[in-house]
């Protein structure tokens, strides 16, 4: 089975590194950036396929994770999105195709949420 390709977007360097380490440990190929703006540039270049996006909701820049998820739903509707935030009130604003991972999350919750989203693609972590 192919390794899933995951785009991780988080402005907190420690959180981003933790996500990357955990997801790579479970067999994913991970690309990461500190902003949704940089993530959007990566998606638009289209050099590498992306099976899933995991993004913090609140980030500096023109786009936040919520804005990114709306663009992704419109332009790449088959790519699932997992959004994470410490503000659970933001979850009510998310579309049906977006999964919410509340902070603080455990690595087990991260893997569970990512795996559920990857199931839509017929993919799995190892």
Protein backbone atom coordinates (compact mmCIF):
# COMPACT_ATOMS: atom_id res chain seq x y z
CA UNK A 1 0.00 0.00 0.00
CA UNK A 2 1.26 3.48 -0.86
CA UNK A 3 2.42 5.81 1.86
CA UNK A 4 -0.07 8.65 2.38
CA UNK A 5 1.18 12.15 1.64
CA UNK A 6 0.24 14.61 4.38
CA UNK A 7 0.65 18.39 4.42
CA UNK A 8 1.07 19.75 7.98
CA UNK A 9 0.58 23.47 8.63
CA UNK A 10 1.26 24.92 12.08
CA UNK A 11 2.98 28.11 13.16
CA UNK A 12 4.24 26.63 16.42
CA UNK A 13 7.55 24.98 15.54
CA UNK A 14 7.42 22.45 18.38
CA UNK A 15 3.86 21.34 17.57
CA UNK A 16 4.66 21.15 13.86
CA UNK A 17 7.78 19.05 14.51
CA UNK A 18 5.83 16.73 16.82
CA UNK A 19 3.10 16.21 14.20
CA UNK A 20 5.69 15.51 11.51
CA UNK A 21 7.59 13.04 13.72
CA UNK A 22 4.46 11.14 14.76
CA UNK A 23 2.99 10.95 11.26
CA UNK A 24 6.30 9.86 9.72
CA UNK A 25 6.66 7.22 12.43
CA UNK A 26 3.32 5.81 11.26
CA UNK A 27 4.46 5.68 7.64
CA UNK A 28 3.27 8.97 6.15
CA UNK A 29 5.30 11.15 3.82
CA UNK A 30 5.00 14.59 5.43
CA UNK A 31 5.62 18.08 4.10
CA UNK A 32 5.23 20.94 6.54
CA UNK A 33 5.11 24.73 6.62
CA UNK A 34 4.60 27.33 9.36
CA UNK A 35 1.66 29.03 7.61
CA UNK A 36 -1.42 28.36 5.53
CA UNK A 37 -0.08 30.87 3.00
CA UNK A 38 2.98 28.69 2.35
CA UNK A 39 0.79 25.60 2.30
CA UNK A 40 -1.41 27.17 -0.38
CA UNK A 41 1.63 27.97 -2.53
CA UNK A 42 2.74 24.34 -2.21
CA UNK A 43 -0.72 23.07 -3.21
CA UNK A 44 -0.93 25.44 -6.18
CA UNK A 45 2.46 24.31 -7.48
CA UNK A 46 1.07 20.78 -7.55
CA UNK A 47 4.50 19.16 -7.74
CA UNK A 48 3.59 16.44 -5.24
CA UNK A 49 0.19 14.89 -4.57
CA UNK A 50 -1.40 15.57 -1.18
CA UNK A 51 -3.72 12.99 0.34
CA UNK A 52 -4.56 14.92 3.52
CA UNK A 53 -4.00 18.33 5.10
CA UNK A 54 -3.60 18.81 8.86
CA UNK A 55 -3.65 22.47 9.83
CA UNK A 56 -3.90 24.68 12.84
CA UNK A 57 -6.88 27.03 12.49
CA UNK A 58 -5.31 30.19 13.88
CA UNK A 59 -2.09 31.20 12.14
CA UNK A 60 -0.49 34.44 11.04
CA UNK A 61 -0.68 35.49 7.41
CA UNK A 62 -3.39 36.15 4.86
CA UNK A 63 -4.97 32.71 5.23
CA UNK A 64 -5.78 30.86 8.40
CA UNK A 65 -6.56 27.14 8.51
CA UNK A 66 -10.30 27.72 8.22
CA UNK A 67 -9.87 29.86 5.09
CA UNK A 68 -7.51 27.25 3.64
CA UNK A 69 -10.05 24.48 4.25
CA UNK A 70 -12.69 26.41 2.27
CA UNK A 71 -10.32 26.86 -0.68
CA UNK A 72 -9.32 23.20 -0.55
CA UNK A 73 -12.97 22.07 -0.47
CA UNK A 74 -13.61 24.13 -3.61
CA UNK A 75 -10.41 23.45 -5.60
CA UNK A 76 -9.37 19.99 -4.36
CA UNK A 77 -12.63 18.48 -3.09
CA UNK A 78 -11.20 14.97 -2.70
CA UNK A 79 -8.50 16.10 -0.25
CA UNK A 80 -9.71 15.80 3.34
CA UNK A 81 -8.72 18.42 5.92
CA UNK A 82 -8.16 18.06 9.66
CA UNK A 83 -8.17 21.36 11.56
CA UNK A 84 -6.88 21.72 15.08
CA UNK A 85 -7.37 24.46 17.66
CA UNK A 86 -7.56 25.07 21.37
CA UNK A 87 -10.75 27.05 20.76
CA UNK A 88 -13.47 24.40 20.45
CA UNK A 89 -16.06 27.08 19.53
CA UNK A 90 -14.37 27.25 16.10
CA UNK A 91 -15.44 23.65 15.40
CA UNK A 92 -19.04 24.77 14.85
CA UNK A 93 -17.93 26.89 11.87
CA UNK A 94 -16.38 23.97 9.99
CA UNK A 95 -17.94 22.30 6.98
CA UNK A 96 -19.03 18.69 7.03
CA UNK A 97 -15.94 17.54 5.12
CA UNK A 98 -13.55 19.00 7.72
CA UNK A 99 -12.55 17.05 10.82
CA UNK A 100 -11.76 18.88 14.06
CA UNK A 101 -8.96 17.83 16.40
CA UNK A 102 -9.21 19.78 19.67
CA UNK A 103 -6.05 20.92 21.48
CA UNK A 104 -4.45 19.73 23.55
CA UNK A 105 -4.37 16.45 21.62
CA UNK A 106 -2.48 13.29 22.35
CA UNK A 107 -0.49 11.49 19.68
CA UNK A 108 -3.15 8.75 19.82
CA UNK A 109 -5.91 11.26 19.06
CA UNK A 110 -3.84 12.74 16.21
CA UNK A 111 -3.32 9.31 14.64
CA UNK A 112 -6.97 8.34 15.13
CA UNK A 113 -8.24 11.55 13.52
CA UNK A 114 -5.76 11.33 10.62
CA UNK A 115 -6.58 7.66 10.01
CA UNK A 116 -10.31 8.39 9.93
CA UNK A 117 -9.72 11.13 7.35
CA UNK A 118 -7.41 8.91 5.28
CA UNK A 119 -10.06 6.19 5.20
CA UNK A 120 -11.98 8.50 2.81
CA UNK A 121 -9.07 8.13 0.40
CA UNK A 122 -8.77 4.39 0.83
CA UNK A 123 -5.41 4.97 2.52
CA UNK A 124 -4.05 4.05 5.91
CA UNK A 125 -1.12 4.66 8.18
CA UNK A 126 1.08 1.69 9.00
